N, C-alpha and C. Protein backbone atom coordinates (compact mmCIF):
# COMPACT_ATOMS: atom_id res chain seq x y z
N MET A 1 -15.46 -5.09 3.44
CA MET A 1 -14.44 -6.05 3.81
C MET A 1 -13.91 -5.66 5.19
N PRO A 2 -13.93 -6.56 6.13
CA PRO A 2 -13.47 -6.24 7.49
C PRO A 2 -11.95 -6.11 7.55
N ARG A 3 -11.50 -5.56 8.64
CA ARG A 3 -10.07 -5.40 8.89
C ARG A 3 -9.40 -6.78 8.90
N VAL A 4 -8.21 -6.85 8.37
CA VAL A 4 -7.44 -8.10 8.33
C VAL A 4 -6.37 -8.04 9.41
N GLU A 5 -6.38 -9.02 10.28
CA GLU A 5 -5.39 -9.08 11.35
C GLU A 5 -3.99 -9.17 10.75
N GLY A 6 -3.11 -8.30 11.20
CA GLY A 6 -1.73 -8.32 10.72
C GLY A 6 -1.49 -7.49 9.47
N LEU A 7 -2.48 -6.69 9.06
CA LEU A 7 -2.35 -5.85 7.87
C LEU A 7 -2.45 -4.38 8.29
N ARG A 8 -1.35 -3.68 8.15
CA ARG A 8 -1.28 -2.28 8.55
C ARG A 8 -2.08 -1.36 7.63
N SER A 9 -2.34 -0.20 8.13
CA SER A 9 -2.95 0.88 7.36
C SER A 9 -1.94 1.36 6.32
N PRO A 10 -2.41 1.80 5.16
CA PRO A 10 -1.48 2.36 4.18
C PRO A 10 -0.85 3.66 4.67
N TYR A 11 -1.47 4.32 5.64
CA TYR A 11 -0.92 5.55 6.20
C TYR A 11 0.33 5.29 7.04
N ASP A 12 0.50 4.07 7.52
CA ASP A 12 1.64 3.72 8.35
C ASP A 12 2.93 3.96 7.56
N LYS A 13 3.87 4.67 8.15
CA LYS A 13 5.15 4.89 7.48
C LYS A 13 6.31 4.62 8.42
N THR A 14 6.15 3.60 9.26
CA THR A 14 7.20 3.24 10.20
C THR A 14 8.37 2.54 9.52
N LEU A 15 8.16 1.96 8.34
CA LEU A 15 9.26 1.31 7.62
C LEU A 15 9.82 2.26 6.58
N GLY A 16 11.04 2.65 6.77
CA GLY A 16 11.71 3.51 5.81
C GLY A 16 11.11 4.89 5.66
N GLY A 17 10.17 5.24 6.52
CA GLY A 17 9.52 6.55 6.44
C GLY A 17 8.56 6.67 5.26
N LEU A 18 8.13 5.53 4.71
CA LEU A 18 7.30 5.53 3.50
C LEU A 18 5.92 4.94 3.75
N HIS A 19 4.90 5.69 3.31
CA HIS A 19 3.54 5.15 3.33
C HIS A 19 3.49 3.85 2.52
N HIS A 20 2.70 2.92 2.97
CA HIS A 20 2.35 1.67 2.28
C HIS A 20 3.43 0.59 2.32
N LEU A 21 4.68 0.92 2.61
CA LEU A 21 5.73 -0.10 2.57
C LEU A 21 5.44 -1.23 3.57
N GLY A 22 5.10 -0.88 4.79
CA GLY A 22 4.78 -1.91 5.79
C GLY A 22 3.58 -2.74 5.37
N ARG A 23 2.56 -2.09 4.82
CA ARG A 23 1.36 -2.80 4.37
C ARG A 23 1.70 -3.77 3.25
N MET A 24 2.55 -3.34 2.31
CA MET A 24 2.93 -4.22 1.22
C MET A 24 3.64 -5.47 1.75
N LEU A 25 4.55 -5.29 2.70
CA LEU A 25 5.24 -6.45 3.27
C LEU A 25 4.28 -7.32 4.06
N ASP A 26 3.32 -6.70 4.75
CA ASP A 26 2.29 -7.48 5.47
C ASP A 26 1.51 -8.35 4.50
N LYS A 27 1.10 -7.77 3.36
CA LYS A 27 0.34 -8.54 2.37
C LYS A 27 1.17 -9.71 1.85
N MET A 28 2.44 -9.49 1.63
CA MET A 28 3.31 -10.57 1.17
C MET A 28 3.37 -11.69 2.18
N ARG A 29 3.57 -11.34 3.44
CA ARG A 29 3.66 -12.37 4.49
C ARG A 29 2.34 -13.12 4.64
N LEU A 30 1.24 -12.38 4.60
CA LEU A 30 -0.07 -13.02 4.72
C LEU A 30 -0.33 -13.96 3.55
N LYS A 31 0.04 -13.54 2.34
CA LYS A 31 -0.18 -14.40 1.17
C LYS A 31 0.68 -15.66 1.26
N LEU A 32 1.94 -15.49 1.64
CA LEU A 32 2.84 -16.64 1.77
C LEU A 32 2.34 -17.62 2.83
N ALA A 33 1.66 -17.11 3.85
CA ALA A 33 1.11 -17.95 4.92
C ALA A 33 -0.27 -18.49 4.58
N GLY A 34 -0.79 -18.10 3.41
CA GLY A 34 -2.13 -18.55 3.01
C GLY A 34 -3.24 -17.85 3.77
N ARG A 35 -2.97 -16.66 4.33
CA ARG A 35 -3.95 -15.95 5.14
C ARG A 35 -4.41 -14.63 4.53
N LEU A 36 -3.96 -14.32 3.32
CA LEU A 36 -4.41 -13.09 2.66
C LEU A 36 -5.79 -13.37 2.06
N PRO A 37 -6.81 -12.60 2.47
CA PRO A 37 -8.15 -12.85 1.95
C PRO A 37 -8.20 -12.77 0.42
N GLU A 38 -9.06 -13.57 -0.16
CA GLU A 38 -9.19 -13.67 -1.61
C GLU A 38 -9.44 -12.31 -2.26
N ASP A 39 -10.17 -11.43 -1.59
CA ASP A 39 -10.46 -10.10 -2.14
C ASP A 39 -9.18 -9.32 -2.48
N PHE A 40 -8.07 -9.64 -1.83
CA PHE A 40 -6.83 -8.91 -2.04
C PHE A 40 -6.02 -9.47 -3.21
N HIS A 41 -6.33 -10.67 -3.66
CA HIS A 41 -5.50 -11.34 -4.65
C HIS A 41 -5.51 -10.66 -6.02
N ARG A 42 -6.64 -10.11 -6.44
CA ARG A 42 -6.70 -9.56 -7.80
C ARG A 42 -5.84 -8.31 -7.97
N ASN A 43 -5.58 -7.57 -6.90
CA ASN A 43 -4.75 -6.36 -6.98
C ASN A 43 -3.34 -6.57 -6.45
N TYR A 44 -3.05 -7.76 -6.00
CA TYR A 44 -1.76 -8.07 -5.36
C TYR A 44 -0.60 -7.86 -6.33
N GLY A 45 0.27 -6.92 -6.01
CA GLY A 45 1.48 -6.70 -6.79
C GLY A 45 1.29 -6.04 -8.14
N LEU A 46 0.09 -5.60 -8.46
CA LEU A 46 -0.15 -4.98 -9.77
C LEU A 46 0.68 -3.72 -9.95
N SER A 47 1.21 -3.55 -11.14
CA SER A 47 2.05 -2.39 -11.41
C SER A 47 1.28 -1.08 -11.31
N VAL A 48 -0.03 -1.11 -11.57
CA VAL A 48 -0.83 0.12 -11.52
C VAL A 48 -1.34 0.41 -10.11
N GLY A 49 -1.22 -0.53 -9.20
CA GLY A 49 -1.68 -0.34 -7.83
C GLY A 49 -0.59 0.23 -6.95
N LEU A 50 -0.90 0.35 -5.69
CA LEU A 50 0.07 0.90 -4.74
C LEU A 50 1.33 0.06 -4.63
N ASP A 51 1.19 -1.28 -4.65
CA ASP A 51 2.37 -2.15 -4.57
C ASP A 51 3.32 -1.86 -5.72
N GLY A 52 2.78 -1.87 -6.92
CA GLY A 52 3.60 -1.66 -8.11
C GLY A 52 4.15 -0.25 -8.19
N GLN A 53 3.35 0.72 -7.80
CA GLN A 53 3.83 2.11 -7.83
C GLN A 53 4.97 2.31 -6.83
N LEU A 54 4.83 1.72 -5.65
CA LEU A 54 5.90 1.84 -4.66
C LEU A 54 7.16 1.15 -5.15
N CYS A 55 7.02 -0.05 -5.70
CA CYS A 55 8.21 -0.74 -6.22
C CYS A 55 8.82 0.02 -7.38
N GLY A 56 7.99 0.60 -8.25
CA GLY A 56 8.51 1.42 -9.33
C GLY A 56 9.25 2.63 -8.82
N PHE A 57 8.71 3.28 -7.83
CA PHE A 57 9.37 4.44 -7.23
C PHE A 57 10.71 4.02 -6.62
N MET A 58 10.71 2.86 -5.96
CA MET A 58 11.92 2.39 -5.29
C MET A 58 12.89 1.71 -6.25
N ASN A 59 12.46 1.51 -7.50
CA ASN A 59 13.28 0.90 -8.54
C ASN A 59 13.68 -0.54 -8.21
N VAL A 60 12.71 -1.29 -7.69
CA VAL A 60 12.88 -2.72 -7.43
C VAL A 60 11.67 -3.45 -8.00
N LYS A 61 11.83 -4.73 -8.26
CA LYS A 61 10.72 -5.54 -8.74
C LYS A 61 9.95 -6.11 -7.55
N PHE A 62 8.63 -6.06 -7.65
CA PHE A 62 7.77 -6.61 -6.60
C PHE A 62 8.17 -8.05 -6.28
N GLU A 63 8.39 -8.84 -7.33
CA GLU A 63 8.73 -10.26 -7.16
C GLU A 63 10.04 -10.44 -6.40
N ASP A 64 11.00 -9.52 -6.60
CA ASP A 64 12.27 -9.61 -5.88
C ASP A 64 12.10 -9.28 -4.41
N VAL A 65 11.26 -8.30 -4.12
CA VAL A 65 10.97 -7.97 -2.72
C VAL A 65 10.25 -9.15 -2.07
N GLU A 66 9.28 -9.71 -2.79
CA GLU A 66 8.53 -10.86 -2.28
C GLU A 66 9.47 -12.04 -1.99
N ALA A 67 10.48 -12.22 -2.83
CA ALA A 67 11.45 -13.30 -2.61
C ALA A 67 12.23 -13.08 -1.32
N GLN A 68 12.54 -11.84 -1.00
CA GLN A 68 13.23 -11.53 0.25
C GLN A 68 12.35 -11.88 1.45
N VAL A 69 11.06 -11.53 1.34
CA VAL A 69 10.11 -11.85 2.40
C VAL A 69 9.97 -13.37 2.53
N ALA A 70 9.85 -14.06 1.40
CA ALA A 70 9.70 -15.52 1.41
C ALA A 70 10.92 -16.22 2.00
N ALA A 71 12.09 -15.61 1.85
CA ALA A 71 13.32 -16.19 2.39
C ALA A 71 13.44 -15.99 3.89
N GLY A 72 12.48 -15.26 4.48
CA GLY A 72 12.47 -15.08 5.93
C GLY A 72 13.18 -13.84 6.43
N ALA A 73 13.51 -12.91 5.54
CA ALA A 73 14.17 -11.68 5.97
C ALA A 73 13.25 -10.89 6.91
N THR A 74 13.84 -10.23 7.88
CA THR A 74 13.07 -9.37 8.78
C THR A 74 12.64 -8.13 8.01
N GLU A 75 11.72 -7.37 8.58
CA GLU A 75 11.29 -6.13 7.93
C GLU A 75 12.48 -5.20 7.72
N ALA A 76 13.32 -5.06 8.72
CA ALA A 76 14.48 -4.18 8.60
C ALA A 76 15.41 -4.66 7.49
N GLU A 77 15.59 -5.97 7.39
CA GLU A 77 16.44 -6.52 6.33
C GLU A 77 15.84 -6.29 4.95
N VAL A 78 14.53 -6.43 4.82
CA VAL A 78 13.89 -6.20 3.52
C VAL A 78 14.02 -4.72 3.14
N VAL A 79 13.77 -3.84 4.07
CA VAL A 79 13.89 -2.41 3.79
C VAL A 79 15.31 -2.07 3.37
N GLU A 80 16.30 -2.59 4.08
CA GLU A 80 17.69 -2.32 3.71
C GLU A 80 18.02 -2.92 2.35
N TRP A 81 17.49 -4.10 2.06
CA TRP A 81 17.70 -4.73 0.74
C TRP A 81 17.14 -3.81 -0.36
N ILE A 82 15.94 -3.28 -0.13
CA ILE A 82 15.34 -2.36 -1.11
C ILE A 82 16.23 -1.14 -1.30
N PHE A 83 16.69 -0.57 -0.20
CA PHE A 83 17.52 0.63 -0.27
C PHE A 83 18.85 0.36 -0.98
N VAL A 84 19.41 -0.82 -0.80
CA VAL A 84 20.68 -1.16 -1.44
C VAL A 84 20.50 -1.47 -2.92
N HIS A 85 19.44 -2.20 -3.26
CA HIS A 85 19.23 -2.64 -4.64
C HIS A 85 18.37 -1.69 -5.47
N GLY A 86 17.76 -0.74 -4.82
CA GLY A 86 16.91 0.22 -5.52
C GLY A 86 17.27 1.63 -5.11
N LEU A 87 16.31 2.31 -4.53
CA LEU A 87 16.47 3.70 -4.13
C LEU A 87 16.47 3.81 -2.61
N ARG A 88 17.43 4.57 -2.09
CA ARG A 88 17.40 4.98 -0.68
C ARG A 88 16.92 6.43 -0.72
N PRO A 89 15.61 6.65 -0.53
CA PRO A 89 15.08 8.00 -0.74
C PRO A 89 15.59 9.00 0.30
N ASN A 90 15.90 10.19 -0.20
CA ASN A 90 16.24 11.27 0.73
C ASN A 90 14.92 11.86 1.24
N ARG A 91 14.99 12.86 2.10
CA ARG A 91 13.76 13.43 2.69
C ARG A 91 12.79 13.94 1.64
N THR A 92 13.31 14.60 0.62
CA THR A 92 12.44 15.16 -0.42
C THR A 92 11.79 14.05 -1.23
N GLN A 93 12.53 13.02 -1.56
CA GLN A 93 11.98 11.90 -2.31
C GLN A 93 10.91 11.16 -1.49
N ALA A 94 11.19 10.95 -0.20
CA ALA A 94 10.21 10.29 0.66
C ALA A 94 8.94 11.14 0.76
N MET A 95 9.10 12.45 0.88
CA MET A 95 7.93 13.33 0.94
C MET A 95 7.14 13.24 -0.37
N ALA A 96 7.84 13.22 -1.50
CA ALA A 96 7.15 13.13 -2.80
C ALA A 96 6.34 11.84 -2.88
N TRP A 97 6.92 10.69 -2.48
CA TRP A 97 6.18 9.43 -2.51
C TRP A 97 4.99 9.50 -1.55
N ASN A 98 5.24 9.95 -0.33
CA ASN A 98 4.19 9.96 0.68
C ASN A 98 3.01 10.83 0.25
N GLU A 99 3.29 11.98 -0.32
CA GLU A 99 2.20 12.86 -0.75
C GLU A 99 1.49 12.28 -1.98
N HIS A 100 2.23 11.73 -2.90
CA HIS A 100 1.61 11.09 -4.08
C HIS A 100 0.69 9.96 -3.64
N SER A 101 1.21 9.05 -2.83
CA SER A 101 0.42 7.87 -2.45
C SER A 101 -0.78 8.26 -1.60
N ARG A 102 -0.61 9.24 -0.71
CA ARG A 102 -1.70 9.67 0.17
C ARG A 102 -2.84 10.29 -0.61
N LYS A 103 -2.53 10.92 -1.75
CA LYS A 103 -3.56 11.63 -2.53
C LYS A 103 -4.04 10.84 -3.74
N LEU A 104 -3.51 9.64 -3.95
CA LEU A 104 -3.88 8.83 -5.10
C LEU A 104 -5.39 8.57 -5.09
N GLY A 105 -6.02 8.83 -6.21
CA GLY A 105 -7.47 8.66 -6.31
C GLY A 105 -8.23 9.97 -6.25
N TRP A 106 -7.56 11.01 -5.86
CA TRP A 106 -8.20 12.32 -5.80
C TRP A 106 -7.93 13.05 -7.11
N ASN A 107 -8.93 13.09 -7.97
CA ASN A 107 -8.84 13.83 -9.23
C ASN A 107 -7.66 13.38 -10.10
N ASP A 108 -7.51 12.06 -10.27
CA ASP A 108 -6.46 11.52 -11.13
C ASP A 108 -6.96 10.25 -11.81
N ARG A 109 -6.06 9.50 -12.41
CA ARG A 109 -6.47 8.31 -13.16
C ARG A 109 -7.09 7.22 -12.29
N MET A 110 -6.91 7.28 -10.98
CA MET A 110 -7.48 6.28 -10.08
C MET A 110 -8.87 6.69 -9.57
N SER A 111 -9.32 7.89 -9.91
CA SER A 111 -10.60 8.40 -9.41
C SER A 111 -11.77 7.50 -9.80
N SER A 112 -11.78 6.99 -11.03
CA SER A 112 -12.89 6.14 -11.47
C SER A 112 -12.87 4.81 -10.72
N PHE A 113 -11.69 4.29 -10.41
CA PHE A 113 -11.58 3.06 -9.62
C PHE A 113 -12.14 3.27 -8.23
N VAL A 114 -11.76 4.38 -7.60
CA VAL A 114 -12.26 4.69 -6.26
C VAL A 114 -13.78 4.81 -6.28
N ALA A 115 -14.33 5.51 -7.28
CA ALA A 115 -15.79 5.68 -7.38
C ALA A 115 -16.47 4.32 -7.56
N LYS A 116 -15.91 3.45 -8.37
CA LYS A 116 -16.48 2.12 -8.61
C LYS A 116 -16.51 1.30 -7.31
N VAL A 117 -15.40 1.27 -6.60
CA VAL A 117 -15.34 0.50 -5.35
C VAL A 117 -16.28 1.09 -4.31
N LYS A 118 -16.37 2.41 -4.24
CA LYS A 118 -17.31 3.05 -3.31
C LYS A 118 -18.72 2.58 -3.60
N THR A 119 -19.12 2.57 -4.86
CA THR A 119 -20.46 2.16 -5.26
C THR A 119 -20.69 0.69 -4.91
N GLU A 120 -19.73 -0.17 -5.29
CA GLU A 120 -19.86 -1.60 -5.02
C GLU A 120 -19.91 -1.91 -3.53
N SER A 121 -19.20 -1.11 -2.73
CA SER A 121 -19.14 -1.35 -1.29
C SER A 121 -20.25 -0.64 -0.52
N GLY A 122 -21.01 0.20 -1.21
CA GLY A 122 -22.06 0.94 -0.53
C GLY A 122 -21.55 2.08 0.32
N ILE A 123 -20.36 2.56 0.02
CA ILE A 123 -19.79 3.69 0.76
C ILE A 123 -20.24 4.96 0.05
N GLY A 124 -21.04 5.75 0.71
CA GLY A 124 -21.58 6.93 0.06
C GLY A 124 -20.97 8.23 0.53
N THR A 125 -19.99 8.16 1.42
CA THR A 125 -19.40 9.37 1.97
C THR A 125 -18.70 10.16 0.87
N PRO A 126 -19.19 11.36 0.55
CA PRO A 126 -18.57 12.14 -0.52
C PRO A 126 -17.10 12.47 -0.26
N ALA A 127 -16.72 12.62 1.00
CA ALA A 127 -15.34 12.98 1.31
C ALA A 127 -14.37 11.85 1.00
N THR A 128 -14.88 10.64 0.84
CA THR A 128 -14.01 9.52 0.53
C THR A 128 -13.60 9.59 -0.92
N CYS A 129 -12.39 10.06 -1.15
CA CYS A 129 -12.00 10.24 -2.54
C CYS A 129 -10.60 9.75 -2.84
N THR A 130 -9.85 9.26 -1.87
CA THR A 130 -8.52 8.74 -2.15
C THR A 130 -8.50 7.23 -1.91
N VAL A 131 -7.50 6.58 -2.49
CA VAL A 131 -7.33 5.15 -2.31
C VAL A 131 -7.10 4.84 -0.84
N PHE A 132 -6.26 5.63 -0.16
CA PHE A 132 -6.01 5.41 1.26
C PHE A 132 -7.30 5.49 2.08
N GLU A 133 -8.11 6.53 1.83
CA GLU A 133 -9.37 6.68 2.57
C GLU A 133 -10.30 5.50 2.29
N LEU A 134 -10.34 5.07 1.06
CA LEU A 134 -11.18 3.93 0.68
C LEU A 134 -10.72 2.67 1.41
N ILE A 135 -9.42 2.43 1.44
CA ILE A 135 -8.89 1.26 2.15
C ILE A 135 -9.28 1.33 3.62
N GLU A 136 -9.10 2.48 4.25
CA GLU A 136 -9.42 2.61 5.66
C GLU A 136 -10.90 2.30 5.92
N LEU A 137 -11.78 2.85 5.11
CA LEU A 137 -13.21 2.64 5.32
C LEU A 137 -13.62 1.19 5.05
N THR A 138 -13.08 0.58 4.01
CA THR A 138 -13.47 -0.80 3.71
C THR A 138 -12.89 -1.78 4.71
N GLU A 139 -11.85 -1.37 5.45
CA GLU A 139 -11.26 -2.23 6.47
C GLU A 139 -11.66 -1.81 7.88
N ASP A 140 -12.75 -1.07 7.97
CA ASP A 140 -13.32 -0.67 9.27
C ASP A 140 -12.36 0.14 10.14
N ARG A 141 -11.59 1.03 9.51
CA ARG A 141 -10.77 1.99 10.26
C ARG A 141 -11.24 3.38 9.87
N GLU A 142 -11.13 4.29 10.77
CA GLU A 142 -11.50 5.68 10.48
C GLU A 142 -10.30 6.38 9.86
N PRO A 143 -10.47 6.93 8.65
CA PRO A 143 -9.34 7.66 8.05
C PRO A 143 -8.98 8.87 8.91
N PRO A 144 -7.71 9.27 8.89
CA PRO A 144 -7.32 10.46 9.64
C PRO A 144 -8.05 11.69 9.10
N ALA A 145 -8.18 12.68 9.93
CA ALA A 145 -8.83 13.92 9.51
C ALA A 145 -8.03 14.57 8.39
N PRO A 146 -8.72 15.18 7.43
CA PRO A 146 -8.00 15.85 6.33
C PRO A 146 -7.09 16.94 6.86
N ARG A 147 -6.00 17.16 6.15
CA ARG A 147 -5.05 18.20 6.56
C ARG A 147 -5.36 19.48 5.85
C-alpha cells in the first residue's frame, strides 16, 4: 500500500507528545473527507488496534474524538479536548504509551497479525516485527533505525 498524502507516520509525536495521536486524527479527517483508502477502513477505530488502544489509554471514546474532528476543531483543540475529558498524561505516562505503542507487535498478542500482514504484503524483512515498522514499510517509508 503506497503512502497516503496527509497521513503521518505513527512515530510522529508532535501532538501531545504521543505517538500515533496525529496519525489517528489524520485518518479521521481523511475518512470524513472521503479520502481514506478502503484498505484502512477495516481497522479504523477498532478497540484492539492503535486507535482504540490510544483512546483507551487516554480514557476517551474514539467516536467522541471523531465528533470533535467532524465539528471542525483544530488539532490543538482536539488534543486539549482529549486532555480535559480524558487523561492529560504526565511525562511518565506519555513515555509508557510511547514505548508500548512503538513496540506493539514485538513478541506480544499482535505478533501473529504482524506476521500475517508481512506475508500478505510480501515483506520478508526479518527485522520488521512491530506494528509501527510494518506501517512504515507498507506506506513506503523507511522505519527509523532500532535503538
